C-alpha cells in the first residue's frame, strides 16, 4: 500500500496528480454524476466531501 500524497517522498511519485475543486454542487449530486460530468477528461475517481457540521 502506498503512502498518501501528502506523506510520500516526491521522488517516489509515479506521475503527476491533478485535483479539481468543484463548488456549489446540488445536494442531489452523487459521485457517479460528478464523474459523468467530467467524462471527457477521463477522471479516475470522484469524491464529494461535505461539511460534517451541516450534514
PDB file of N, CA and C in Angstrom:
ATOM      1  N   UNK A   1       0.845  -1.178   0.000  1.00  0.00           N
ATOM      2  CA  UNK A   1       0.000   0.000   0.000  1.00  0.00           C
ATOM      3  C   UNK A   1       0.887   1.236   0.000  1.00  0.00           C
ATOM      4  N   UNK A   2       0.591   2.165  -0.880  1.00  0.00           N
ATOM      5  CA  UNK A   2       1.408   3.363  -0.974  1.00  0.00           C
ATOM      6  C   UNK A   2       0.985   4.402   0.061  1.00  0.00           C
ATOM      7  N   UNK A   3       1.894   5.299   0.330  1.00  0.00           N
ATOM      8  CA  UNK A   3       1.626   6.371   1.290  1.00  0.00           C
ATOM      9  C   UNK A   3       0.691   7.398   0.666  1.00  0.00           C
ATOM     10  N   UNK A   4      -0.057   8.110   1.484  1.00  0.00           N
ATOM     11  CA  UNK A   4      -0.917   9.177   0.952  1.00  0.00           C
ATOM     12  C   UNK A   4      -0.079  10.241   0.265  1.00  0.00           C
ATOM     13  N   UNK A   5      -0.681  11.011  -0.638  1.00  0.00           N
ATOM     14  CA  UNK A   5       0.048  12.004  -1.420  1.00  0.00           C
ATOM     15  C   UNK A   5       0.779  13.019  -0.551  1.00  0.00           C
ATOM     16  N   UNK A   6       0.250  13.331   0.630  1.00  0.00           N
ATOM     17  CA  UNK A   6       0.876  14.351   1.467  1.00  0.00           C
ATOM     18  C   UNK A   6       2.003  13.784   2.317  1.00  0.00           C
ATOM     19  N   UNK A   7       2.152  12.468   2.325  1.00  0.00           N
ATOM     20  CA  UNK A   7       3.115  11.839   3.206  1.00  0.00           C
ATOM     21  C   UNK A   7       4.157  11.041   2.434  1.00  0.00           C
ATOM     22  N   UNK A   8       4.214  11.196   1.124  1.00  0.00           N
ATOM     23  CA  UNK A   8       5.170  10.422   0.341  1.00  0.00           C
ATOM     24  C   UNK A   8       6.337  11.301  -0.105  1.00  0.00           C
ATOM     25  N   UNK A   9       7.442  10.669  -0.323  1.00  0.00           N
ATOM     26  CA  UNK A   9       8.622  11.369  -0.807  1.00  0.00           C
ATOM     27  C   UNK A   9       8.413  11.726  -2.275  1.00  0.00           C
ATOM     28  N   UNK A  10       8.743  12.932  -2.677  1.00  0.00           N
ATOM     29  CA  UNK A  10       8.465  13.385  -4.041  1.00  0.00           C
ATOM     30  C   UNK A  10       9.154  12.528  -5.080  1.00  0.00           C
ATOM     31  N   UNK A  11      10.263  11.891  -4.753  1.00  0.00           N
ATOM     32  CA  UNK A  11      10.977  11.041  -5.709  1.00  0.00           C
ATOM     33  C   UNK A  11      10.226   9.747  -5.998  1.00  0.00           C
ATOM     34  N   UNK A  12       9.381   9.316  -5.082  1.00  0.00           N
ATOM     35  CA  UNK A  12       8.678   8.049  -5.232  1.00  0.00           C
ATOM     36  C   UNK A  12       7.355   8.178  -5.983  1.00  0.00           C
ATOM     37  N   UNK A  13       6.961   9.370  -6.325  1.00  0.00           N
ATOM     38  CA  UNK A  13       5.684   9.551  -7.022  1.00  0.00           C
ATOM     39  C   UNK A  13       5.795   9.049  -8.450  1.00  0.00           C
ATOM     40  N   UNK A  14       4.797   8.322  -8.884  1.00  0.00           N
ATOM     41  CA  UNK A  14       4.839   7.695 -10.201  1.00  0.00           C
ATOM     42  C   UNK A  14       4.349   8.601 -11.324  1.00  0.00           C
ATOM     43  N   UNK A  15       3.766   9.721 -11.016  1.00  0.00           N
ATOM     44  CA  UNK A  15       3.281  10.612 -12.051  1.00  0.00           C
ATOM     45  C   UNK A  15       2.659  11.850 -11.469  1.00  0.00           C
ATOM     46  N   UNK A  16       2.238  12.716 -12.335  1.00  0.00           N
ATOM     47  CA  UNK A  16       1.608  13.961 -11.912  1.00  0.00           C
ATOM     48  C   UNK A  16       0.180  13.690 -11.473  1.00  0.00           C
ATOM     49  N   UNK A  17      -0.227  14.304 -10.389  1.00  0.00           N
ATOM     50  CA  UNK A  17      -1.584  14.148  -9.885  1.00  0.00           C
ATOM     51  C   UNK A  17      -2.301  15.487  -9.995  1.00  0.00           C
ATOM     52  N   UNK A  18      -3.454  15.457 -10.615  1.00  0.00           N
ATOM     53  CA  UNK A  18      -4.249  16.668 -10.760  1.00  0.00           C
ATOM     54  C   UNK A  18      -5.525  16.531  -9.940  1.00  0.00           C
ATOM     55  N   UNK A  19      -5.862  17.579  -9.233  1.00  0.00           N
ATOM     56  CA  UNK A  19      -7.099  17.607  -8.451  1.00  0.00           C
ATOM     57  C   UNK A  19      -7.872  18.852  -8.837  1.00  0.00           C
ATOM     58  N   UNK A  20      -9.180  18.739  -8.816  1.00  0.00           N
ATOM     59  CA  UNK A  20     -10.031  19.861  -9.167  1.00  0.00           C
ATOM     60  C   UNK A  20     -11.076  20.056  -8.085  1.00  0.00           C
ATOM     61  N   UNK A  21     -11.239  21.282  -7.657  1.00  0.00           N
ATOM     62  CA  UNK A  21     -12.284  21.622  -6.701  1.00  0.00           C
ATOM     63  C   UNK A  21     -13.498  22.096  -7.492  1.00  0.00           C
ATOM     64  N   UNK A  22     -14.639  21.515  -7.197  1.00  0.00           N
ATOM     65  CA  UNK A  22     -15.899  21.931  -7.821  1.00  0.00           C
ATOM     66  C   UNK A  22     -16.839  22.303  -6.687  1.00  0.00           C
ATOM     67  N   UNK A  23     -17.236  23.556  -6.634  1.00  0.00           N
ATOM     68  CA  UNK A  23     -18.082  24.025  -5.544  1.00  0.00           C
ATOM     69  C   UNK A  23     -19.525  24.215  -5.952  1.00  0.00           C
ATOM     70  N   UNK A  24     -20.352  24.472  -4.958  1.00  0.00           N
ATOM     71  CA  UNK A  24     -21.774  24.754  -5.148  1.00  0.00           C
ATOM     72  C   UNK A  24     -22.529  23.637  -5.857  1.00  0.00           C
ATOM     73  N   UNK A  25     -22.215  22.418  -5.496  1.00  0.00           N
ATOM     74  CA  UNK A  25     -22.932  21.280  -6.066  1.00  0.00           C
ATOM     75  C   UNK A  25     -24.300  21.152  -5.422  1.00  0.00           C
ATOM     76  N   UNK A  26     -25.227  20.642  -6.185  1.00  0.00           N
ATOM     77  CA  UNK A  26     -26.550  20.352  -5.645  1.00  0.00           C
ATOM     78  C   UNK A  26     -26.431  19.216  -4.637  1.00  0.00           C
ATOM     79  N   UNK A  27     -27.281  19.222  -3.632  1.00  0.00           N
ATOM     80  CA  UNK A  27     -27.255  18.140  -2.639  1.00  0.00           C
ATOM     81  C   UNK A  27     -27.601  16.796  -3.258  1.00  0.00           C
ATOM     82  N   UNK A  28     -28.246  16.813  -4.424  1.00  0.00           N
ATOM     83  CA  UNK A  28     -28.615  15.552  -5.081  1.00  0.00           C
ATOM     84  C   UNK A  28     -27.479  14.988  -5.940  1.00  0.00           C
ATOM     85  N   UNK A  29     -26.370  15.714  -6.060  1.00  0.00           N
ATOM     86  CA  UNK A  29     -25.239  15.234  -6.847  1.00  0.00           C
ATOM     87  C   UNK A  29     -24.538  14.107  -6.109  1.00  0.00           C
ATOM     88  N   UNK A  30     -24.294  13.017  -6.831  1.00  0.00           N
ATOM     89  CA  UNK A  30     -23.515  11.929  -6.234  1.00  0.00           C
ATOM     90  C   UNK A  30     -22.222  11.763  -7.032  1.00  0.00           C
ATOM     91  N   UNK A  31     -21.360  10.860  -6.586  1.00  0.00           N
ATOM     92  CA  UNK A  31     -20.057  10.704  -7.214  1.00  0.00           C
ATOM     93  C   UNK A  31     -20.166  10.237  -8.660  1.00  0.00           C
ATOM     94  N   UNK A  32     -21.153   9.421  -8.979  1.00  0.00           N
ATOM     95  CA  UNK A  32     -21.342   8.954 -10.354  1.00  0.00           C
ATOM     96  C   UNK A  32     -21.709  10.124 -11.270  1.00  0.00           C
ATOM     97  N   UNK A  33     -22.618  10.998 -10.839  1.00  0.00           N
ATOM     98  CA  UNK A  33     -22.984  12.160 -11.644  1.00  0.00           C
ATOM     99  C   UNK A  33     -21.789  13.096 -11.856  1.00  0.00           C
ATOM    100  N   UNK A  34     -20.995  13.263 -10.826  1.00  0.00           N
ATOM    101  CA  UNK A  34     -19.823  14.121 -10.929  1.00  0.00           C
ATOM    102  C   UNK A  34     -18.814  13.542 -11.911  1.00  0.00           C
ATOM    103  N   UNK A  35     -18.588  12.241 -11.828  1.00  0.00           N
ATOM    104  CA  UNK A  35     -17.675  11.584 -12.757  1.00  0.00           C
ATOM    105  C   UNK A  35     -18.180  11.675 -14.190  1.00  0.00           C
ATOM    106  N   UNK A  36     -19.479  11.503 -14.373  1.00  0.00           N
ATOM    107  CA  UNK A  36     -20.075  11.600 -15.705  1.00  0.00           C
ATOM    108  C   UNK A  36     -19.927  13.006 -16.287  1.00  0.00           C
ATOM    109  N   UNK A  37     -20.026  14.023 -15.440  1.00  0.00           N
ATOM    110  CA  UNK A  37     -19.894  15.402 -15.908  1.00  0.00           C
ATOM    111  C   UNK A  37     -18.487  15.688 -16.434  1.00  0.00           C
ATOM    112  N   UNK A  38     -17.488  14.973 -15.925  1.00  0.00           N
ATOM    113  CA  UNK A  38     -16.101  15.182 -16.331  1.00  0.00           C
ATOM    114  C   UNK A  38     -15.562  14.050 -17.196  1.00  0.00           C
ATOM    115  N   UNK A  39     -16.446  13.270 -17.809  1.00  0.00           N
ATOM    116  CA  UNK A  39     -16.013  12.090 -18.556  1.00  0.00           C
ATOM    117  C   UNK A  39     -15.058  12.419 -19.705  1.00  0.00           C
ATOM    118  N   UNK A  40     -15.141  13.595 -20.279  1.00  0.00           N
ATOM    119  CA  UNK A  40     -14.248  13.967 -21.377  1.00  0.00           C
ATOM    120  C   UNK A  40     -12.787  14.076 -20.917  1.00  0.00           C
ATOM    121  N   UNK A  41     -12.577  14.247 -19.613  1.00  0.00           N
ATOM    122  CA  UNK A  41     -11.229  14.391 -19.072  1.00  0.00           C
ATOM    123  C   UNK A  41     -10.707  13.095 -18.460  1.00  0.00           C
ATOM    124  N   UNK A  42     -11.474  12.034 -18.617  1.00  0.00           N
ATOM    125  CA  UNK A  42     -11.127  10.695 -18.123  1.00  0.00           C
ATOM    126  C   UNK A  42     -10.762  10.678 -16.631  1.00  0.00           C
ATOM    127  N   UNK A  43     -11.696  11.044 -15.772  1.00  0.00           N
ATOM    128  CA  UNK A  43     -11.390  11.031 -14.335  1.00  0.00           C
ATOM    129  C   UNK A  43     -11.227   9.606 -13.811  1.00  0.00           C
ATOM    130  N   UNK A  44     -10.318   9.432 -12.890  1.00  0.00           N
ATOM    131  CA  UNK A  44     -10.111   8.130 -12.272  1.00  0.00           C
ATOM    132  C   UNK A  44     -11.026   7.939 -11.081  1.00  0.00           C
ATOM    133  N   UNK A  45     -11.330   9.037 -10.414  1.00  0.00           N
ATOM    134  CA  UNK A  45     -12.198   8.942  -9.250  1.00  0.00           C
ATOM    135  C   UNK A  45     -12.884  10.279  -9.010  1.00  0.00           C
ATOM    136  N   UNK A  46     -13.917  10.222  -8.214  1.00  0.00           N
ATOM    137  CA  UNK A  46     -14.633  11.434  -7.806  1.00  0.00           C
ATOM    138  C   UNK A  46     -15.011  11.261  -6.341  1.00  0.00           C
ATOM    139  N   UNK A  47     -14.824  12.299  -5.581  1.00  0.00           N
ATOM    140  CA  UNK A  47     -15.147  12.244  -4.152  1.00  0.00           C
ATOM    141  C   UNK A  47     -15.878  13.521  -3.774  1.00  0.00           C
ATOM    142  N   UNK A  48     -16.996  13.363  -3.127  1.00  0.00           N
ATOM    143  CA  UNK A  48     -17.759  14.519  -2.663  1.00  0.00           C
ATOM    144  C   UNK A  48     -17.563  14.624  -1.161  1.00  0.00           C
ATOM    145  N   UNK A  49     -17.006  15.737  -0.742  1.00  0.00           N
ATOM    146  CA  UNK A  49     -16.740  15.976   0.670  1.00  0.00           C
ATOM    147  C   UNK A  49     -17.772  16.957   1.174  1.00  0.00           C
ATOM    148  N   UNK A  50     -18.416  16.634   2.276  1.00  0.00           N
ATOM    149  CA  UNK A  50     -19.396  17.525   2.860  1.00  0.00           C
ATOM    150  C   UNK A  50     -18.920  18.017   4.219  1.00  0.00           C
ATOM    151  N   UNK A  51     -19.395  19.148   4.604  1.00  0.00           N
ATOM    152  CA  UNK A  51     -19.061  19.719   5.903  1.00  0.00           C
ATOM    153  C   UNK A  51     -19.790  18.930   6.976  1.00  0.00           C
ATOM    154  N   UNK A  52     -19.064  18.320   7.866  1.00  0.00           N
ATOM    155  CA  UNK A  52     -19.691  17.474   8.887  1.00  0.00           C
ATOM    156  C   UNK A  52     -20.587  18.262   9.843  1.00  0.00           C
ATOM    157  N   UNK A  53     -20.401  19.565   9.900  1.00  0.00           N
ATOM    158  CA  UNK A  53     -21.220  20.400  10.778  1.00  0.00           C
ATOM    159  C   UNK A  53     -22.611  20.638  10.205  1.00  0.00           C
ATOM    160  N   UNK A  54     -22.744  20.576   8.870  1.00  0.00           N
ATOM    161  CA  UNK A  54     -24.021  20.913   8.247  1.00  0.00           C
ATOM    162  C   UNK A  54     -24.763  19.719   7.683  1.00  0.00           C
ATOM    163  N   UNK A  55     -24.212  18.543   7.806  1.00  0.00           N
ATOM    164  CA  UNK A  55     -24.868  17.352   7.244  1.00  0.00           C
ATOM    165  C   UNK A  55     -25.832  16.757   8.237  1.00  0.00           C
TER     166      UNK A  55
END
